[in-house]
Amino acid sequence: MTIQTPTVPEGPKPTVVETSVNLRGLRRVGQRPPFLDYLVALWDYRHFIFYDAQARVQTGNEQDRLGRLWLVLGPLLNGLMFYVIMGVLLKAGAGIENFVAFLIIGVFLFQMSTRSITNSSRVITGNKNVIHAFQFPRASLVLASNVRELLANIPVIITMLILVIILPEAEEISWRWFLLLPILAFQFLFNLGLGLILARVVSVFNDASQIISYAMRLWMYGSCMFFSIDRFNEYPVIKNIMEFNPLYNVLHLARECLLYGGVGDWRAWSILALWALGTLAVGMVFFWKGEETYGREL
């Protein structure tokens, strides 16, 4: 049997042209950018961060009949619960001037940090579909979560100030009340920095999210939310440790400015500022180091 093979007509041979390609400008998809470029990218996403936070605040309680009113009712009910238990039953407010306002400030401001830190720690594990689908700086998710809590707590802070004014012993408004703004700014920066750290930790070890909720409860007792730090005068070591607690200093300075006619001592301001700026710096670098790992299934 004879097999015939088709003949290929001869023609001009293709010309091979060598071209040099510069690969320096190319970057592997998902590669972690330099730190300064990462910060610039975050700034470029500022509009997305703000509008995402604003939209989530508006839709956060839309399925409830009372809607956004729960943003205020939640801290109010918690404050009432702590007042009944700690103030009425356990007499924890003995010796504290204007204990009602003291407790309100503690509950409202500490819960602001609780929500910010807890929600920030879960943004990577809770947004895996978005992380898989789009390329963007992942820190924008943590930043948006904190901005969302800040916007959500604006009516809460206003309610807190109104209650301080109208509830006995009613306090008078003074210029010292404006010092609440830098206190809240430092608190926001600290919440953001710690949220960045915990977001990376939870993305690697998801069980850490359960530990965080218990740690926040323990932290609440160490921040003098419903009792005075003077209870530890006989235990100077414990008292000194508590005075370095950033959230204790948030509550202490807010109470000094709103209730007790003071501005707080320089030591408390310094401790709070160092915690806020230091935690933010460490958190930003720590989170950036893990940028390439977020959303990957192990």
C-alpha atoms as a PDB file:
ATOM      1  CA  MET A   1       0.000   0.000   0.000  1.00  0.00           C
ATOM      2  CA  THR A   2       1.372   3.323  -1.008  1.00  0.00           C
ATOM      3  CA  ILE A   3       0.783   6.357   1.162  1.00  0.00           C
ATOM      4  CA  GLN A   4       0.894   9.710  -0.564  1.00  0.00           C
ATOM      5  CA  THR A   5       1.987  12.702   1.463  1.00  0.00           C
ATOM      6  CA  PRO A   6       0.745  16.140   0.473  1.00  0.00           C
ATOM      7  CA  THR A   7       3.334  18.439  -0.946  1.00  0.00           C
ATOM      8  CA  VAL A   8       3.776  21.885   0.571  1.00  0.00           C
ATOM      9  CA  PRO A   9       4.339  24.552  -1.981  1.00  0.00           C
ATOM     10  CA  GLU A  10       7.606  26.322  -1.573  1.00  0.00           C
ATOM     11  CA  GLY A  11       7.429  30.003  -0.816  1.00  0.00           C
ATOM     12  CA  PRO A  12       9.294  32.747   0.942  1.00  0.00           C
ATOM     13  CA  LYS A  13      10.378  31.792   4.416  1.00  0.00           C
ATOM     14  CA  PRO A  14       8.991  33.954   7.281  1.00  0.00           C
ATOM     15  CA  THR A  15      11.393  36.491   8.634  1.00  0.00           C
ATOM     16  CA  VAL A  16      12.131  36.309  12.368  1.00  0.00           C
ATOM     17  CA  VAL A  17      12.689  39.699  13.952  1.00  0.00           C
ATOM     18  CA  GLU A  18      14.244  39.849  17.385  1.00  0.00           C
ATOM     19  CA  THR A  19      12.679  42.486  19.660  1.00  0.00           C
ATOM     20  CA  SER A  20      13.906  43.443  23.113  1.00  0.00           C
ATOM     21  CA  VAL A  21      11.280  43.820  25.822  1.00  0.00           C
ATOM     22  CA  ASN A  22      11.868  45.849  28.962  1.00  0.00           C
ATOM     23  CA  LEU A  23      10.403  43.887  31.894  1.00  0.00           C
ATOM     24  CA  ARG A  24      11.366  46.397  34.574  1.00  0.00           C
ATOM     25  CA  GLY A  25       7.992  48.128  34.510  1.00  0.00           C
ATOM     26  CA  LEU A  26       6.017  44.895  34.782  1.00  0.00           C
ATOM     27  CA  ARG A  27       4.763  43.638  38.110  1.00  0.00           C
ATOM     28  CA  ARG A  28       3.394  40.254  39.041  1.00  0.00           C
ATOM     29  CA  VAL A  29      -0.371  40.275  39.508  1.00  0.00           C
ATOM     30  CA  GLY A  30      -1.146  40.624  43.203  1.00  0.00           C
ATOM     31  CA  GLN A  31       2.410  41.574  44.091  1.00  0.00           C
ATOM     32  CA  ARG A  32       2.781  43.767  47.164  1.00  0.00           C
ATOM     33  CA  PRO A  33       3.692  47.323  46.070  1.00  0.00           C
ATOM     34  CA  PRO A  34       6.291  49.433  47.879  1.00  0.00           C
ATOM     35  CA  PHE A  35       4.992  50.908  51.116  1.00  0.00           C
ATOM     36  CA  LEU A  36       4.797  54.530  49.924  1.00  0.00           C
ATOM     37  CA  ASP A  37       3.029  53.448  46.725  1.00  0.00           C
ATOM     38  CA  TYR A  38       0.612  51.514  48.896  1.00  0.00           C
ATOM     39  CA  LEU A  39      -0.217  54.638  50.914  1.00  0.00           C
ATOM     40  CA  VAL A  40      -0.729  56.607  47.701  1.00  0.00           C
ATOM     41  CA  ALA A  41      -3.083  53.896  46.419  1.00  0.00           C
ATOM     42  CA  LEU A  42      -5.063  54.126  49.654  1.00  0.00           C
ATOM     43  CA  TRP A  43      -5.403  57.875  49.150  1.00  0.00           C
ATOM     44  CA  ASP A  44      -6.631  57.269  45.599  1.00  0.00           C
ATOM     45  CA  TYR A  45      -9.386  55.065  47.017  1.00  0.00           C
ATOM     46  CA  ARG A  46     -10.545  57.704  49.531  1.00  0.00           C
ATOM     47  CA  HIS A  47     -13.827  58.375  47.690  1.00  0.00           C
ATOM     48  CA  PHE A  48     -14.676  54.669  47.567  1.00  0.00           C
ATOM     49  CA  ILE A  49     -13.862  54.331  51.276  1.00  0.00           C
ATOM     50  CA  PHE A  50     -16.099  57.233  52.285  1.00  0.00           C
ATOM     51  CA  TYR A  51     -19.074  56.333  50.091  1.00  0.00           C
ATOM     52  CA  ASP A  52     -18.886  52.652  51.024  1.00  0.00           C
ATOM     53  CA  ALA A  53     -18.886  53.601  54.712  1.00  0.00           C
ATOM     54  CA  GLN A  54     -21.755  56.044  54.220  1.00  0.00           C
ATOM     55  CA  ALA A  55     -23.851  53.532  52.288  1.00  0.00           C
ATOM     56  CA  ARG A  56     -23.352  50.797  54.876  1.00  0.00           C
ATOM     57  CA  VAL A  57     -24.367  53.145  57.687  1.00  0.00           C
ATOM     58  CA  GLN A  58     -27.591  53.996  55.849  1.00  0.00           C
ATOM     59  CA  THR A  59     -28.457  50.358  55.147  1.00  0.00           C
ATOM     60  CA  GLY A  60     -27.095  48.773  58.320  1.00  0.00           C
ATOM     61  CA  ASN A  61     -30.419  48.581  60.180  1.00  0.00           C
ATOM     62  CA  GLU A  62     -32.867  48.953  57.308  1.00  0.00           C
ATOM     63  CA  GLN A  63     -34.507  45.584  58.073  1.00  0.00           C
ATOM     64  CA  ASP A  64     -35.419  46.730  61.605  1.00  0.00           C
ATOM     65  CA  ARG A  65     -38.538  48.785  62.152  1.00  0.00           C
ATOM     66  CA  LEU A  66     -36.646  51.400  64.154  1.00  0.00           C
ATOM     67  CA  GLY A  67     -33.823  51.507  61.594  1.00  0.00           C
ATOM     68  CA  ARG A  68     -30.870  53.733  62.472  1.00  0.00           C
ATOM     69  CA  LEU A  69     -32.486  54.609  65.782  1.00  0.00           C
ATOM     70  CA  TRP A  70     -30.825  51.443  67.089  1.00  0.00           C
ATOM     71  CA  LEU A  71     -27.460  53.191  66.767  1.00  0.00           C
ATOM     72  CA  VAL A  72     -28.534  55.284  69.741  1.00  0.00           C
ATOM     73  CA  LEU A  73     -30.853  52.812  71.477  1.00  0.00           C
ATOM     74  CA  GLY A  74     -28.095  50.176  71.743  1.00  0.00           C
ATOM     75  CA  PRO A  75     -25.720  52.270  73.891  1.00  0.00           C
ATOM     76  CA  LEU A  76     -28.659  53.680  75.857  1.00  0.00           C
ATOM     77  CA  LEU A  77     -29.941  50.233  76.815  1.00  0.00           C
ATOM     78  CA  ASN A  78     -26.438  49.076  77.683  1.00  0.00           C
ATOM     79  CA  GLY A  79     -25.940  52.168  79.817  1.00  0.00           C
ATOM     80  CA  LEU A  80     -29.221  51.516  81.618  1.00  0.00           C
ATOM     81  CA  MET A  81     -28.257  47.888  82.214  1.00  0.00           C
ATOM     82  CA  PHE A  82     -24.858  48.834  83.653  1.00  0.00           C
ATOM     83  CA  TYR A  83     -26.461  51.537  85.801  1.00  0.00           C
ATOM     84  CA  VAL A  84     -28.948  49.104  87.328  1.00  0.00           C
ATOM     85  CA  ILE A  85     -26.326  46.399  87.944  1.00  0.00           C
ATOM     86  CA  MET A  86     -23.273  48.454  88.871  1.00  0.00           C
ATOM     87  CA  GLY A  87     -24.846  51.618  90.194  1.00  0.00           C
ATOM     88  CA  VAL A  88     -27.982  50.419  91.984  1.00  0.00           C
ATOM     89  CA  LEU A  89     -27.257  46.809  92.951  1.00  0.00           C
ATOM     90  CA  LEU A  90     -23.470  46.803  93.455  1.00  0.00           C
ATOM     91  CA  LYS A  91     -23.083  50.492  94.425  1.00  0.00           C
ATOM     92  CA  ALA A  92     -20.028  50.846  92.173  1.00  0.00           C
ATOM     93  CA  GLY A  93     -20.678  54.575  91.812  1.00  0.00           C
ATOM     94  CA  ALA A  94     -20.124  55.362  95.475  1.00  0.00           C
ATOM     95  CA  GLY A  95     -17.857  58.389  95.750  1.00  0.00           C
ATOM     96  CA  ILE A  96     -17.981  59.221  92.039  1.00  0.00           C
ATOM     97  CA  GLU A  97     -19.247  62.695  91.257  1.00  0.00           C
ATOM     98  CA  ASN A  98     -22.119  62.667  88.744  1.00  0.00           C
ATOM     99  CA  PHE A  99     -21.982  58.901  88.342  1.00  0.00           C
ATOM    100  CA  VAL A 100     -24.768  58.823  85.732  1.00  0.00           C
ATOM    101  CA  ALA A 101     -22.828  61.009  83.292  1.00  0.00           C
ATOM    102  CA  PHE A 102     -19.601  59.198  84.253  1.00  0.00           C
ATOM    103  CA  LEU A 103     -21.202  55.896  83.244  1.00  0.00           C
ATOM    104  CA  ILE A 104     -22.780  57.258  80.058  1.00  0.00           C
ATOM    105  CA  ILE A 105     -19.445  58.550  78.766  1.00  0.00           C
ATOM    106  CA  GLY A 106     -17.775  55.248  79.606  1.00  0.00           C
ATOM    107  CA  VAL A 107     -20.388  53.072  77.900  1.00  0.00           C
ATOM    108  CA  PHE A 108     -20.804  55.184  74.776  1.00  0.00           C
ATOM    109  CA  LEU A 109     -17.107  55.738  74.049  1.00  0.00           C
ATOM    110  CA  PHE A 110     -15.908  52.251  74.938  1.00  0.00           C
ATOM    111  CA  GLN A 111     -18.552  50.617  72.760  1.00  0.00           C
ATOM    112  CA  MET A 112     -17.361  52.776  69.885  1.00  0.00           C
ATOM    113  CA  SER A 113     -13.933  51.124  70.147  1.00  0.00           C
ATOM    114  CA  THR A 114     -15.451  47.679  70.685  1.00  0.00           C
ATOM    115  CA  ARG A 115     -17.463  47.842  67.465  1.00  0.00           C
ATOM    116  CA  SER A 116     -14.608  49.341  65.441  1.00  0.00           C
ATOM    117  CA  ILE A 117     -11.971  46.842  66.565  1.00  0.00           C
ATOM    118  CA  THR A 118     -14.239  43.790  66.343  1.00  0.00           C
ATOM    119  CA  ASN A 119     -15.633  44.632  62.897  1.00  0.00           C
ATOM    120  CA  SER A 120     -12.212  45.596  61.523  1.00  0.00           C
ATOM    121  CA  SER A 121     -10.737  42.272  62.582  1.00  0.00           C
ATOM    122  CA  ARG A 122     -13.234  40.394  60.394  1.00  0.00           C
ATOM    123  CA  VAL A 123     -13.176  42.408  57.170  1.00  0.00           C
ATOM    124  CA  ILE A 124     -10.690  40.155  55.347  1.00  0.00           C
ATOM    125  CA  THR A 125     -12.482  36.896  56.142  1.00  0.00           C
ATOM    126  CA  GLY A 126     -15.844  38.536  55.459  1.00  0.00           C
ATOM    127  CA  ASN A 127     -14.953  39.969  52.045  1.00  0.00           C
ATOM    128  CA  LYS A 128     -13.117  37.106  50.334  1.00  0.00           C
ATOM    129  CA  ASN A 129     -15.313  37.285  47.217  1.00  0.00           C
ATOM    130  CA  VAL A 130     -14.438  40.947  46.698  1.00  0.00           C
ATOM    131  CA  ILE A 131     -10.739  40.263  47.358  1.00  0.00           C
ATOM    132  CA  HIS A 132     -10.708  37.430  44.814  1.00  0.00           C
ATOM    133  CA  ALA A 133     -12.507  39.473  42.155  1.00  0.00           C
ATOM    134  CA  PHE A 134     -10.732  42.835  42.302  1.00  0.00           C
ATOM    135  CA  GLN A 135      -7.246  44.219  42.748  1.00  0.00           C
ATOM    136  CA  PHE A 136      -7.097  47.072  45.278  1.00  0.00           C
ATOM    137  CA  PRO A 137      -5.257  47.881  48.519  1.00  0.00           C
ATOM    138  CA  ARG A 138      -6.818  45.576  51.097  1.00  0.00           C
ATOM    139  CA  ALA A 139      -6.261  48.100  53.884  1.00  0.00           C
ATOM    140  CA  SER A 140      -9.062  50.142  52.332  1.00  0.00           C
ATOM    141  CA  LEU A 141     -11.506  47.541  53.716  1.00  0.00           C
ATOM    142  CA  VAL A 142     -10.257  48.097  57.256  1.00  0.00           C
ATOM    143  CA  LEU A 143     -10.241  51.866  56.795  1.00  0.00           C
ATOM    144  CA  ALA A 144     -13.784  51.814  55.412  1.00  0.00           C
ATOM    145  CA  SER A 145     -14.938  49.753  58.399  1.00  0.00           C
ATOM    146  CA  ASN A 146     -13.519  52.313  60.822  1.00  0.00           C
ATOM    147  CA  VAL A 147     -14.909  55.273  58.903  1.00  0.00           C
ATOM    148  CA  ARG A 148     -18.285  53.530  58.919  1.00  0.00           C
ATOM    149  CA  GLU A 149     -18.194  53.196  62.706  1.00  0.00           C
ATOM    150  CA  LEU A 150     -17.106  56.815  63.067  1.00  0.00           C
ATOM    151  CA  LEU A 151     -20.035  58.031  60.948  1.00  0.00           C
ATOM    152  CA  ALA A 152     -22.445  55.710  62.748  1.00  0.00           C
ATOM    153  CA  ASN A 153     -21.347  57.078  66.112  1.00  0.00           C
ATOM    154  CA  ILE A 154     -21.921  60.752  65.290  1.00  0.00           C
ATOM    155  CA  PRO A 155     -25.572  60.605  66.499  1.00  0.00           C
ATOM    156  CA  VAL A 156     -24.378  58.486  69.452  1.00  0.00           C
ATOM    157  CA  ILE A 157     -21.881  61.169  70.527  1.00  0.00           C
ATOM    158  CA  ILE A 158     -24.515  63.895  70.106  1.00  0.00           C
ATOM    159  CA  THR A 159     -26.930  61.865  72.250  1.00  0.00           C
ATOM    160  CA  MET A 160     -24.220  61.394  74.882  1.00  0.00           C
ATOM    161  CA  LEU A 161     -23.627  65.146  75.093  1.00  0.00           C
ATOM    162  CA  ILE A 162     -27.350  65.875  75.331  1.00  0.00           C
ATOM    163  CA  LEU A 163     -27.724  63.384  78.184  1.00  0.00           C
ATOM    164  CA  VAL A 164     -24.776  64.926  80.023  1.00  0.00           C
ATOM    165  CA  ILE A 165     -26.523  68.297  79.762  1.00  0.00           C
ATOM    166  CA  ILE A 166     -30.052  67.304  80.766  1.00  0.00           C
ATOM    167  CA  LEU A 167     -29.609  64.479  83.296  1.00  0.00           C
ATOM    168  CA  PRO A 168     -28.921  65.344  86.915  1.00  0.00           C
ATOM    169  CA  GLU A 169     -26.374  66.507  87.805  1.00  0.00           C
ATOM    170  CA  ALA A 170     -26.656  68.647  84.677  1.00  0.00           C
ATOM    171  CA  GLU A 171     -23.359  69.925  83.317  1.00  0.00           C
ATOM    172  CA  GLU A 172     -22.775  73.279  81.660  1.00  0.00           C
ATOM    173  CA  ILE A 173     -21.275  73.585  78.206  1.00  0.00           C
ATOM    174  CA  SER A 174     -17.789  75.087  78.131  1.00  0.00           C
ATOM    175  CA  TRP A 175     -14.903  75.538  75.693  1.00  0.00           C
ATOM    176  CA  ARG A 176     -13.344  72.364  77.157  1.00  0.00           C
ATOM    177  CA  TRP A 177     -15.986  70.340  75.350  1.00  0.00           C
ATOM    178  CA  PHE A 178     -14.133  71.038  72.074  1.00  0.00           C
ATOM    179  CA  LEU A 179     -11.269  68.933  73.421  1.00  0.00           C
ATOM    180  CA  LEU A 180     -13.498  65.934  72.799  1.00  0.00           C
ATOM    181  CA  LEU A 181     -12.627  66.265  69.089  1.00  0.00           C
ATOM    182  CA  PRO A 182      -8.884  65.454  69.441  1.00  0.00           C
ATOM    183  CA  ILE A 183      -9.768  62.716  71.942  1.00  0.00           C
ATOM    184  CA  LEU A 184     -12.064  61.097  69.368  1.00  0.00           C
ATOM    185  CA  ALA A 185      -9.416  61.576  66.668  1.00  0.00           C
ATOM    186  CA  PHE A 186      -6.805  59.736  68.744  1.00  0.00           C
ATOM    187  CA  GLN A 187      -9.351  57.038  69.542  1.00  0.00           C
ATOM    188  CA  PHE A 188     -10.127  56.613  65.828  1.00  0.00           C
ATOM    189  CA  LEU A 189      -6.433  56.292  64.930  1.00  0.00           C
ATOM    190  CA  PHE A 190      -5.878  53.748  67.684  1.00  0.00           C
ATOM    191  CA  ASN A 191      -8.931  51.713  66.618  1.00  0.00           C
ATOM    192  CA  LEU A 192      -7.710  51.765  63.018  1.00  0.00           C
ATOM    193  CA  GLY A 193      -4.185  50.664  63.902  1.00  0.00           C
ATOM    194  CA  LEU A 194      -5.335  47.814  66.114  1.00  0.00           C
ATOM    195  CA  GLY A 195      -7.943  46.820  63.540  1.00  0.00           C
ATOM    196  CA  LEU A 196      -5.220  46.503  60.881  1.00  0.00           C
ATOM    197  CA  ILE A 197      -3.167  44.253  63.146  1.00  0.00           C
ATOM    198  CA  LEU A 198      -6.083  42.031  64.089  1.00  0.00           C
ATOM    199  CA  ALA A 199      -7.413  41.832  60.522  1.00  0.00           C
ATOM    200  CA  ARG A 200      -4.197  40.147  59.417  1.00  0.00           C
ATOM    201  CA  VAL A 201      -4.126  37.888  62.474  1.00  0.00           C
ATOM    202  CA  VAL A 202      -7.724  36.730  61.927  1.00  0.00           C
ATOM    203  CA  SER A 203      -7.081  36.169  58.203  1.00  0.00           C
ATOM    204  CA  VAL A 204      -4.438  33.594  59.208  1.00  0.00           C
ATOM    205  CA  PHE A 205      -6.045  32.234  62.387  1.00  0.00           C
ATOM    206  CA  ASN A 206      -9.813  32.635  62.178  1.00  0.00           C
ATOM    207  CA  ASP A 207     -10.378  31.390  65.746  1.00  0.00           C
ATOM    208  CA  ALA A 208      -8.751  34.605  66.950  1.00  0.00           C
ATOM    209  CA  SER A 209     -12.022  36.408  66.187  1.00  0.00           C
ATOM    210  CA  GLN A 210     -13.655  34.468  69.026  1.00  0.00           C
ATOM    211  CA  ILE A 211     -10.831  35.358  71.400  1.00  0.00           C
ATOM    212  CA  ILE A 212     -11.154  39.050  70.531  1.00  0.00           C
ATOM    213  CA  SER A 213     -14.723  39.254  71.853  1.00  0.00           C
ATOM    214  CA  TYR A 214     -13.638  37.907  75.250  1.00  0.00           C
ATOM    215  CA  ALA A 215     -10.560  40.125  75.282  1.00  0.00           C
ATOM    216  CA  MET A 216     -12.730  43.205  74.731  1.00  0.00           C
ATOM    217  CA  ARG A 217     -14.848  42.314  77.760  1.00  0.00           C
ATOM    218  CA  LEU A 218     -11.752  41.962  79.907  1.00  0.00           C
ATOM    219  CA  TRP A 219     -10.443  45.234  78.490  1.00  0.00           C
ATOM    220  CA  MET A 220     -13.699  46.911  79.497  1.00  0.00           C
ATOM    221  CA  TYR A 221     -13.055  46.113  83.171  1.00  0.00           C
ATOM    222  CA  GLY A 222      -9.487  47.378  82.841  1.00  0.00           C
ATOM    223  CA  SER A 223     -10.638  50.733  81.435  1.00  0.00           C
ATOM    224  CA  CYS A 224     -12.685  51.921  84.443  1.00  0.00           C
ATOM    225  CA  MET A 225     -15.867  52.100  82.401  1.00  0.00           C
ATOM    226  CA  PHE A 226     -18.141  52.020  85.452  1.00  0.00           C
ATOM    227  CA  PHE A 227     -15.852  52.524  88.457  1.00  0.00           C
ATOM    228  CA  SER A 228     -13.114  54.915  89.501  1.00  0.00           C
ATOM    229  CA  ILE A 229      -9.430  54.098  89.242  1.00  0.00           C
ATOM    230  CA  ASP A 230      -9.099  55.300  92.840  1.00  0.00           C
ATOM    231  CA  ARG A 231     -10.278  51.835  93.864  1.00  0.00           C
ATOM    232  CA  PHE A 232      -6.715  50.688  93.152  1.00  0.00           C
ATOM    233  CA  ASN A 233      -4.897  53.238  95.299  1.00  0.00           C
ATOM    234  CA  GLU A 234      -3.792  50.395  97.567  1.00  0.00           C
ATOM    235  CA  TYR A 235      -2.418  48.502  94.562  1.00  0.00           C
ATOM    236  CA  PRO A 236      -0.054  50.977  92.872  1.00  0.00           C
ATOM    237  CA  VAL A 237       1.329  48.450  90.370  1.00  0.00           C
ATOM    238  CA  ILE A 238      -2.138  47.615  89.036  1.00  0.00           C
ATOM    239  CA  LYS A 239      -3.065  51.294  88.994  1.00  0.00           C
ATOM    240  CA  ASN A 240       0.050  52.227  87.001  1.00  0.00           C
ATOM    241  CA  ILE A 241      -0.661  49.501  84.461  1.00  0.00           C
ATOM    242  CA  MET A 242      -4.226  50.717  84.032  1.00  0.00           C
ATOM    243  CA  GLU A 243      -3.034  54.306  83.549  1.00  0.00           C
ATOM    244  CA  PHE A 244      -1.116  53.161  80.457  1.00  0.00           C
ATOM    245  CA  ASN A 245      -4.279  51.648  78.984  1.00  0.00           C
ATOM    246  CA  PRO A 246      -5.171  53.770  75.909  1.00  0.00           C
ATOM    247  CA  LEU A 247      -8.929  53.299  76.256  1.00  0.00           C
ATOM    248  CA  TYR A 248      -8.768  54.226  79.932  1.00  0.00           C
ATOM    249  CA  ASN A 249      -7.133  57.496  78.885  1.00  0.00           C
ATOM    250  CA  VAL A 250      -9.857  58.087  76.287  1.00  0.00           C
ATOM    251  CA  LEU A 251     -12.534  57.788  78.988  1.00  0.00           C
ATOM    252  CA  HIS A 252     -10.495  59.679  81.601  1.00  0.00           C
ATOM    253  CA  LEU A 253      -9.791  62.670  79.347  1.00  0.00           C
ATOM    254  CA  ALA A 254     -13.376  62.814  78.054  1.00  0.00           C
ATOM    255  CA  ARG A 255     -14.711  62.841  81.609  1.00  0.00           C
ATOM    256  CA  GLU A 256     -12.258  65.522  82.681  1.00  0.00           C
ATOM    257  CA  CYS A 257     -13.270  67.782  79.793  1.00  0.00           C
ATOM    258  CA  LEU A 258     -17.025  67.175  79.914  1.00  0.00           C
ATOM    259  CA  LEU A 259     -17.713  66.697  83.629  1.00  0.00           C
ATOM    260  CA  TYR A 260     -15.000  67.916  85.930  1.00  0.00           C
ATOM    261  CA  GLY A 261     -13.902  71.231  84.446  1.00  0.00           C
ATOM    262  CA  GLY A 262     -10.399  70.082  83.578  1.00  0.00           C
ATOM    263  CA  VAL A 263      -8.392  69.447  80.445  1.00  0.00           C
ATOM    264  CA  GLY A 264      -6.548  66.353  81.632  1.00  0.00           C
ATOM    265  CA  ASP A 265      -2.893  66.139  82.546  1.00  0.00           C
ATOM    266  CA  TRP A 266      -0.144  66.118  79.909  1.00  0.00           C
ATOM    267  CA  ARG A 267       0.800  62.547  80.840  1.00  0.00           C
ATOM    268  CA  ALA A 268      -2.620  61.178  79.859  1.00  0.00           C
ATOM    269  CA  TRP A 269      -2.578  63.126  76.581  1.00  0.00           C
ATOM    270  CA  SER A 270       0.939  61.914  75.810  1.00  0.00           C
ATOM    271  CA  ILE A 271       0.098  58.273  76.528  1.00  0.00           C
ATOM    272  CA  LEU A 272      -3.011  58.420  74.337  1.00  0.00           C
ATOM    273  CA  ALA A 273      -1.189  60.163  71.474  1.00  0.00           C
ATOM    274  CA  LEU A 274       1.719  57.699  71.547  1.00  0.00           C
ATOM    275  CA  TRP A 275      -0.640  54.722  71.578  1.00  0.00           C
ATOM    276  CA  ALA A 276      -2.689  56.148  68.691  1.00  0.00           C
ATOM    277  CA  LEU A 277       0.203  57.076  66.406  1.00  0.00           C
ATOM    278  CA  GLY A 278       2.378  54.101  67.352  1.00  0.00           C
ATOM    279  CA  THR A 279      -0.393  51.531  66.882  1.00  0.00           C
ATOM    280  CA  LEU A 280      -1.356  53.058  63.543  1.00  0.00           C
ATOM    281  CA  ALA A 281       2.255  52.976  62.286  1.00  0.00           C
ATOM    282  CA  VAL A 282       2.825  49.386  63.413  1.00  0.00           C
ATOM    283  CA  GLY A 283      -0.579  48.266  62.156  1.00  0.00           C
ATOM    284  CA  MET A 284      -0.087  49.832  58.740  1.00  0.00           C
ATOM    285  CA  VAL A 285       3.299  48.169  58.177  1.00  0.00           C
ATOM    286  CA  PHE A 286       2.162  44.842  59.646  1.00  0.00           C
ATOM    287  CA  PHE A 287      -0.929  44.734  57.434  1.00  0.00           C
ATOM    288  CA  TRP A 288       1.021  45.803  54.328  1.00  0.00           C
ATOM    289  CA  LYS A 289       3.520  42.976  54.886  1.00  0.00           C
ATOM    290  CA  GLY A 290       0.728  40.440  54.457  1.00  0.00           C
ATOM    291  CA  GLU A 291      -0.914  42.101  51.438  1.00  0.00           C
ATOM    292  CA  GLU A 292      -0.209  39.198  49.066  1.00  0.00           C
ATOM    293  CA  THR A 293      -1.714  36.577  51.394  1.00  0.00           C
ATOM    294  CA  TYR A 294      -5.208  37.994  51.854  1.00  0.00           C
ATOM    295  CA  GLY A 295      -7.955  35.940  50.281  1.00  0.00           C
ATOM    296  CA  ARG A 296      -5.757  32.961  49.524  1.00  0.00           C
ATOM    297  CA  GLU A 297      -7.119  29.577  50.563  1.00  0.00           C
ATOM    298  CA  LEU A 298      -4.589  27.581  52.595  1.00  0.00           C
END
